[in-house]
């Protein structure tokens, strides 16, 4: 719904082996963590291994499979979450960053079940050292 605003400009950072970016919800209403079906982080065409991807919101960090049970953690439209993964990125250089999100919208039911949206955003930005 709002895919061009998923990646927060200027938030790409690295500690040398792990890279992260802040992301915003591509929907107009809050969603519980259990509605985050999948997320992927790609830098310069290299996608972080799925098992290394972490999702941070409300000060807590989760592996993606852990979000399934998180009906008590909410992602609000005005809050950024942090998506990270095991990817190298060179501080001080510009990188092409892509984030893909798959979300369930629990209050919209179609003939095929609960609505699932797939959104993607790409931005070129400079990485900063953490």
N, C-alpha and C. Protein backbone atom coordinates (compact mmCIF):
# COMPACT_ATOMS: atom_id res chain seq x y z
N UNK A 1 0.80 -1.18 0.00
CA UNK A 1 0.00 0.00 0.00
C UNK A 1 0.85 1.26 0.00
N UNK A 2 1.95 1.27 0.77
CA UNK A 2 2.84 2.42 0.83
C UNK A 2 4.27 1.91 0.69
N UNK A 3 4.60 1.24 -0.40
CA UNK A 3 5.89 0.57 -0.49
C UNK A 3 7.10 1.49 -0.60
N UNK A 4 6.92 2.71 -1.12
CA UNK A 4 8.09 3.57 -1.30
C UNK A 4 8.57 4.20 0.00
N UNK A 5 7.90 3.92 1.10
CA UNK A 5 8.31 4.47 2.39
C UNK A 5 8.71 3.38 3.39
N UNK A 6 8.91 2.17 2.91
CA UNK A 6 9.29 1.09 3.82
C UNK A 6 10.66 1.36 4.43
N UNK A 7 11.66 1.63 3.61
CA UNK A 7 13.02 1.87 4.10
C UNK A 7 13.15 3.32 4.54
N UNK A 8 13.60 3.51 5.77
CA UNK A 8 13.86 4.85 6.29
C UNK A 8 15.21 5.33 5.73
N UNK A 9 15.19 6.43 5.01
CA UNK A 9 16.40 6.99 4.42
C UNK A 9 17.45 7.27 5.50
N UNK A 10 18.70 6.97 5.17
CA UNK A 10 19.81 7.28 6.07
C UNK A 10 19.97 6.38 7.26
N UNK A 11 19.31 5.22 7.27
CA UNK A 11 19.39 4.34 8.45
C UNK A 11 20.21 3.08 8.24
N UNK A 12 20.84 2.93 7.09
CA UNK A 12 21.66 1.75 6.83
C UNK A 12 22.90 1.81 7.70
N UNK A 13 23.13 0.75 8.50
CA UNK A 13 24.31 0.72 9.36
C UNK A 13 24.89 -0.69 9.41
N UNK A 14 26.16 -0.76 9.84
CA UNK A 14 26.85 -2.05 9.92
C UNK A 14 27.81 -2.05 11.09
N UNK A 15 28.10 -3.25 11.58
CA UNK A 15 29.15 -3.42 12.58
C UNK A 15 30.31 -4.19 11.96
N UNK A 16 30.26 -4.37 10.64
CA UNK A 16 31.30 -5.08 9.92
C UNK A 16 30.79 -6.35 9.27
N UNK A 17 30.04 -7.15 10.03
CA UNK A 17 29.51 -8.39 9.48
C UNK A 17 27.98 -8.42 9.46
N UNK A 18 27.36 -7.59 10.27
CA UNK A 18 25.91 -7.55 10.37
C UNK A 18 25.43 -6.16 9.94
N UNK A 19 24.46 -6.15 9.05
CA UNK A 19 23.95 -4.90 8.49
C UNK A 19 22.49 -4.75 8.86
N UNK A 20 22.05 -3.51 9.11
CA UNK A 20 20.66 -3.27 9.48
C UNK A 20 20.13 -2.01 8.82
N UNK A 21 18.80 -1.93 8.77
CA UNK A 21 18.12 -0.77 8.23
C UNK A 21 16.79 -0.63 8.97
N UNK A 22 16.34 0.60 9.14
CA UNK A 22 15.05 0.83 9.78
C UNK A 22 13.96 0.76 8.73
N UNK A 23 12.85 0.14 9.10
CA UNK A 23 11.73 -0.04 8.17
C UNK A 23 10.43 0.46 8.80
N UNK A 24 9.55 0.95 7.94
CA UNK A 24 8.23 1.42 8.37
C UNK A 24 7.17 0.51 7.78
N UNK A 25 6.07 0.43 8.47
CA UNK A 25 4.97 -0.43 8.06
C UNK A 25 4.34 0.11 6.77
N UNK A 26 4.13 -0.73 5.78
CA UNK A 26 3.50 -0.27 4.53
C UNK A 26 1.98 -0.38 4.58
N UNK A 27 1.42 -0.05 5.70
CA UNK A 27 -0.01 -0.15 5.91
C UNK A 27 -0.42 1.03 6.76
N UNK A 28 -1.69 1.36 6.78
CA UNK A 28 -2.15 2.55 7.47
C UNK A 28 -2.61 2.30 8.90
N UNK A 29 -2.61 1.04 9.33
CA UNK A 29 -3.01 0.69 10.69
C UNK A 29 -1.95 -0.20 11.33
N UNK A 30 -1.92 -0.21 12.65
CA UNK A 30 -0.98 -1.05 13.39
C UNK A 30 -1.29 -2.52 13.16
N UNK A 31 -0.25 -3.34 13.24
CA UNK A 31 -0.38 -4.79 13.11
C UNK A 31 0.40 -5.47 14.23
N UNK A 32 -0.11 -6.57 14.76
CA UNK A 32 0.67 -7.32 15.75
C UNK A 32 1.83 -8.03 15.06
N UNK A 33 2.85 -8.33 15.84
CA UNK A 33 4.02 -9.02 15.30
C UNK A 33 3.68 -10.32 14.61
N UNK A 34 2.62 -10.98 15.05
CA UNK A 34 2.23 -12.25 14.45
C UNK A 34 1.80 -12.10 12.99
N UNK A 35 1.55 -10.89 12.55
CA UNK A 35 1.14 -10.65 11.16
C UNK A 35 2.32 -10.45 10.22
N UNK A 36 3.55 -10.41 10.77
CA UNK A 36 4.75 -10.29 9.94
C UNK A 36 5.11 -11.71 9.51
N UNK A 37 4.76 -12.03 8.27
CA UNK A 37 4.96 -13.39 7.77
C UNK A 37 6.39 -13.65 7.33
N UNK A 38 7.01 -12.66 6.72
CA UNK A 38 8.38 -12.84 6.22
C UNK A 38 8.99 -11.48 5.93
N UNK A 39 10.32 -11.43 5.98
CA UNK A 39 11.06 -10.22 5.65
C UNK A 39 12.41 -10.62 5.09
N UNK A 40 12.89 -9.86 4.12
CA UNK A 40 14.20 -10.13 3.53
C UNK A 40 14.96 -8.82 3.38
N UNK A 41 16.27 -8.88 3.62
CA UNK A 41 17.15 -7.74 3.47
C UNK A 41 18.21 -8.09 2.44
N UNK A 42 18.33 -7.24 1.42
CA UNK A 42 19.31 -7.45 0.36
C UNK A 42 20.16 -6.19 0.23
N UNK A 43 21.47 -6.38 0.15
CA UNK A 43 22.40 -5.27 -0.05
C UNK A 43 23.25 -5.59 -1.27
N UNK A 44 23.21 -4.71 -2.24
CA UNK A 44 23.97 -4.87 -3.49
C UNK A 44 23.75 -6.24 -4.13
N UNK A 45 22.52 -6.70 -4.13
CA UNK A 45 22.16 -7.95 -4.79
C UNK A 45 22.39 -9.21 -3.97
N UNK A 46 22.93 -9.07 -2.76
CA UNK A 46 23.18 -10.23 -1.90
C UNK A 46 22.15 -10.21 -0.77
N UNK A 47 21.38 -11.29 -0.65
CA UNK A 47 20.34 -11.38 0.37
C UNK A 47 20.88 -12.03 1.64
N UNK A 48 20.54 -11.46 2.78
CA UNK A 48 20.97 -12.03 4.06
C UNK A 48 20.39 -13.43 4.21
N UNK A 49 21.17 -14.37 4.71
CA UNK A 49 20.63 -15.72 4.95
C UNK A 49 19.41 -15.64 5.87
N UNK A 50 18.37 -16.36 5.51
CA UNK A 50 17.11 -16.31 6.25
C UNK A 50 17.29 -16.58 7.74
N UNK A 51 18.16 -17.52 8.08
CA UNK A 51 18.35 -17.86 9.49
C UNK A 51 19.05 -16.75 10.28
N UNK A 52 19.67 -15.79 9.58
CA UNK A 52 20.36 -14.69 10.27
C UNK A 52 19.49 -13.45 10.42
N UNK A 53 18.35 -13.41 9.77
CA UNK A 53 17.50 -12.22 9.78
C UNK A 53 16.86 -12.04 11.16
N UNK A 54 16.94 -10.81 11.65
CA UNK A 54 16.34 -10.46 12.94
C UNK A 54 15.45 -9.24 12.75
N UNK A 55 14.41 -9.19 13.58
CA UNK A 55 13.41 -8.13 13.56
C UNK A 55 13.39 -7.51 14.94
N UNK A 56 13.61 -6.22 15.03
CA UNK A 56 13.58 -5.53 16.32
C UNK A 56 12.46 -4.50 16.31
N UNK A 57 11.61 -4.59 17.31
CA UNK A 57 10.58 -3.57 17.50
C UNK A 57 10.27 -3.47 18.99
N UNK A 58 9.93 -2.28 19.41
CA UNK A 58 9.60 -2.02 20.81
C UNK A 58 10.73 -2.45 21.75
N UNK A 59 11.98 -2.33 21.29
CA UNK A 59 13.13 -2.65 22.12
C UNK A 59 13.44 -4.12 22.27
N UNK A 60 12.75 -4.99 21.52
CA UNK A 60 12.99 -6.43 21.60
C UNK A 60 13.38 -6.97 20.22
N UNK A 61 14.24 -7.97 20.20
CA UNK A 61 14.72 -8.54 18.95
C UNK A 61 14.23 -9.98 18.82
N UNK A 62 13.78 -10.32 17.60
CA UNK A 62 13.22 -11.64 17.34
C UNK A 62 13.79 -12.23 16.05
N UNK A 63 13.97 -13.55 16.03
CA UNK A 63 14.14 -14.26 14.76
C UNK A 63 12.75 -14.29 14.13
N UNK A 64 12.66 -14.29 12.82
CA UNK A 64 11.35 -14.21 12.17
C UNK A 64 10.37 -15.29 12.63
N UNK A 65 10.79 -16.56 12.80
CA UNK A 65 9.82 -17.57 13.26
C UNK A 65 9.23 -17.26 14.64
N UNK A 66 9.95 -16.50 15.47
CA UNK A 66 9.45 -16.16 16.80
C UNK A 66 8.29 -15.17 16.76
N UNK A 67 8.15 -14.44 15.67
CA UNK A 67 7.08 -13.44 15.57
C UNK A 67 5.69 -14.07 15.47
N UNK A 68 5.61 -15.31 15.04
CA UNK A 68 4.32 -15.99 14.85
C UNK A 68 3.46 -15.91 16.10
N UNK A 69 4.06 -16.02 17.27
CA UNK A 69 3.32 -16.02 18.54
C UNK A 69 3.19 -14.63 19.16
N UNK A 70 3.74 -13.60 18.53
CA UNK A 70 3.79 -12.27 19.15
C UNK A 70 2.53 -11.45 18.88
N UNK A 71 1.45 -11.84 19.51
CA UNK A 71 0.22 -11.05 19.42
C UNK A 71 0.23 -9.89 20.41
N UNK A 72 1.22 -9.87 21.30
CA UNK A 72 1.34 -8.82 22.30
C UNK A 72 2.29 -7.70 21.89
N UNK A 73 3.00 -7.86 20.78
CA UNK A 73 3.92 -6.83 20.27
C UNK A 73 3.30 -6.22 19.03
N UNK A 74 3.16 -4.90 19.01
CA UNK A 74 2.51 -4.22 17.89
C UNK A 74 3.48 -3.33 17.15
N UNK A 75 3.33 -3.31 15.83
CA UNK A 75 4.10 -2.43 14.95
C UNK A 75 3.16 -1.31 14.53
N UNK A 76 3.47 -0.10 14.93
CA UNK A 76 2.60 1.05 14.69
C UNK A 76 3.10 1.86 13.49
N UNK A 77 2.21 2.51 12.76
CA UNK A 77 2.59 3.28 11.58
C UNK A 77 3.62 4.38 11.84
N UNK A 78 3.69 4.91 13.03
CA UNK A 78 4.65 5.97 13.32
C UNK A 78 5.98 5.45 13.87
N UNK A 79 6.09 4.13 14.07
CA UNK A 79 7.30 3.54 14.63
C UNK A 79 8.09 2.79 13.57
N UNK A 80 9.40 2.89 13.68
CA UNK A 80 10.27 2.11 12.81
C UNK A 80 10.67 0.82 13.52
N UNK A 81 10.75 -0.25 12.75
CA UNK A 81 11.33 -1.50 13.22
C UNK A 81 12.73 -1.57 12.62
N UNK A 82 13.57 -2.45 13.13
CA UNK A 82 14.91 -2.62 12.58
C UNK A 82 15.01 -4.03 12.01
N UNK A 83 15.36 -4.10 10.74
CA UNK A 83 15.58 -5.37 10.05
C UNK A 83 17.07 -5.54 9.87
N UNK A 84 17.61 -6.67 10.30
CA UNK A 84 19.06 -6.89 10.18
C UNK A 84 19.36 -8.31 9.73
N UNK A 85 20.57 -8.49 9.23
CA UNK A 85 21.01 -9.80 8.79
C UNK A 85 22.51 -9.84 8.61
N UNK A 86 23.03 -11.04 8.49
CA UNK A 86 24.47 -11.23 8.31
C UNK A 86 24.85 -10.89 6.87
N UNK A 87 25.26 -9.64 6.69
CA UNK A 87 25.68 -9.13 5.39
C UNK A 87 26.81 -8.13 5.62
N UNK A 88 27.86 -8.20 4.83
CA UNK A 88 28.89 -7.17 4.95
C UNK A 88 28.48 -5.92 4.17
N UNK A 89 28.90 -4.78 4.66
CA UNK A 89 28.71 -3.51 3.96
C UNK A 89 29.84 -2.60 4.39
N UNK A 90 30.37 -1.84 3.46
CA UNK A 90 31.52 -0.98 3.75
C UNK A 90 31.07 0.39 4.21
N UNK A 91 31.45 0.79 5.44
CA UNK A 91 31.08 2.12 5.92
C UNK A 91 31.62 3.21 4.99
N UNK A 92 30.82 4.25 4.84
CA UNK A 92 31.24 5.38 4.02
C UNK A 92 31.00 5.20 2.54
N UNK A 93 30.46 4.06 2.13
CA UNK A 93 30.17 3.84 0.71
C UNK A 93 28.66 3.70 0.51
N UNK A 94 28.24 3.91 -0.73
CA UNK A 94 26.81 3.82 -1.05
C UNK A 94 26.46 2.40 -1.48
N UNK A 95 25.29 1.95 -1.04
CA UNK A 95 24.83 0.60 -1.34
C UNK A 95 23.37 0.63 -1.77
N UNK A 96 23.02 -0.30 -2.65
CA UNK A 96 21.62 -0.50 -3.05
C UNK A 96 20.99 -1.45 -2.04
N UNK A 97 19.98 -0.99 -1.34
CA UNK A 97 19.33 -1.76 -0.28
C UNK A 97 17.91 -2.08 -0.71
N UNK A 98 17.51 -3.33 -0.54
CA UNK A 98 16.14 -3.75 -0.85
C UNK A 98 15.57 -4.48 0.36
N UNK A 99 14.34 -4.13 0.70
CA UNK A 99 13.61 -4.80 1.77
C UNK A 99 12.33 -5.35 1.18
N UNK A 100 12.06 -6.60 1.45
CA UNK A 100 10.81 -7.23 1.04
C UNK A 100 10.06 -7.66 2.29
N UNK A 101 8.79 -7.31 2.34
CA UNK A 101 7.94 -7.66 3.48
C UNK A 101 6.72 -8.41 3.02
N UNK A 102 6.33 -9.39 3.80
CA UNK A 102 5.08 -10.12 3.57
C UNK A 102 4.29 -10.05 4.87
N UNK A 103 3.12 -9.44 4.80
CA UNK A 103 2.32 -9.19 5.99
C UNK A 103 0.90 -9.70 5.82
N UNK A 104 0.33 -10.19 6.91
CA UNK A 104 -1.08 -10.54 6.92
C UNK A 104 -1.86 -9.35 7.47
N UNK A 105 -3.00 -9.07 6.88
CA UNK A 105 -3.90 -8.04 7.36
C UNK A 105 -5.09 -8.79 7.98
N UNK A 106 -5.09 -8.99 9.29
CA UNK A 106 -6.01 -9.94 9.93
C UNK A 106 -7.49 -9.57 9.86
N UNK A 107 -7.80 -8.33 9.65
CA UNK A 107 -9.21 -7.91 9.65
C UNK A 107 -9.79 -7.81 8.25
N UNK A 108 -9.03 -8.25 7.24
CA UNK A 108 -9.56 -8.31 5.87
C UNK A 108 -9.51 -9.76 5.42
N UNK A 109 -10.68 -10.35 5.26
CA UNK A 109 -10.77 -11.75 4.85
C UNK A 109 -11.34 -11.80 3.43
N UNK A 110 -10.66 -12.54 2.57
CA UNK A 110 -11.09 -12.70 1.18
C UNK A 110 -11.59 -14.12 0.97
N UNK A 111 -11.97 -14.43 -0.26
CA UNK A 111 -12.38 -15.80 -0.59
C UNK A 111 -11.25 -16.80 -0.39
N UNK A 112 -10.01 -16.30 -0.36
CA UNK A 112 -8.83 -17.16 -0.22
C UNK A 112 -8.26 -17.15 1.18
N UNK A 113 -8.94 -16.51 2.11
CA UNK A 113 -8.46 -16.43 3.49
C UNK A 113 -8.07 -15.00 3.85
N UNK A 114 -7.27 -14.88 4.90
CA UNK A 114 -6.82 -13.57 5.37
C UNK A 114 -5.93 -12.93 4.31
N UNK A 115 -6.15 -11.63 4.10
CA UNK A 115 -5.36 -10.91 3.10
C UNK A 115 -3.88 -10.92 3.46
N UNK A 116 -3.04 -11.26 2.50
CA UNK A 116 -1.59 -11.24 2.66
C UNK A 116 -1.04 -10.29 1.61
N UNK A 117 -0.30 -9.28 2.06
CA UNK A 117 0.30 -8.34 1.12
C UNK A 117 1.80 -8.58 1.04
N UNK A 118 2.35 -8.34 -0.13
CA UNK A 118 3.79 -8.45 -0.36
C UNK A 118 4.26 -7.12 -0.89
N UNK A 119 5.15 -6.46 -0.15
CA UNK A 119 5.64 -5.13 -0.53
C UNK A 119 7.15 -5.15 -0.61
N UNK A 120 7.68 -4.23 -1.41
CA UNK A 120 9.12 -4.16 -1.64
C UNK A 120 9.53 -2.71 -1.81
N UNK A 121 10.69 -2.36 -1.29
CA UNK A 121 11.23 -1.02 -1.44
C UNK A 121 12.74 -1.14 -1.65
N UNK A 122 13.28 -0.27 -2.49
CA UNK A 122 14.73 -0.22 -2.73
C UNK A 122 15.18 1.23 -2.63
N UNK A 123 16.35 1.42 -2.02
CA UNK A 123 16.95 2.75 -1.92
C UNK A 123 18.47 2.61 -1.99
N UNK A 124 19.10 3.63 -2.50
CA UNK A 124 20.56 3.70 -2.48
C UNK A 124 20.95 4.66 -1.38
N UNK A 125 21.79 4.20 -0.48
CA UNK A 125 22.21 5.07 0.63
C UNK A 125 23.57 4.68 1.15
N UNK A 126 24.16 5.62 1.86
CA UNK A 126 25.47 5.41 2.43
C UNK A 126 25.34 4.67 3.76
N UNK A 127 26.25 3.76 4.01
CA UNK A 127 26.21 2.99 5.24
C UNK A 127 27.04 3.71 6.31
N UNK A 128 26.57 3.63 7.53
CA UNK A 128 27.31 4.22 8.65
C UNK A 128 27.74 3.10 9.59
N UNK A 129 28.88 3.30 10.23
CA UNK A 129 29.43 2.33 11.18
C UNK A 129 28.64 2.39 12.48
N UNK A 130 28.31 1.23 13.03
CA UNK A 130 27.64 1.17 14.34
C UNK A 130 28.65 1.19 15.44
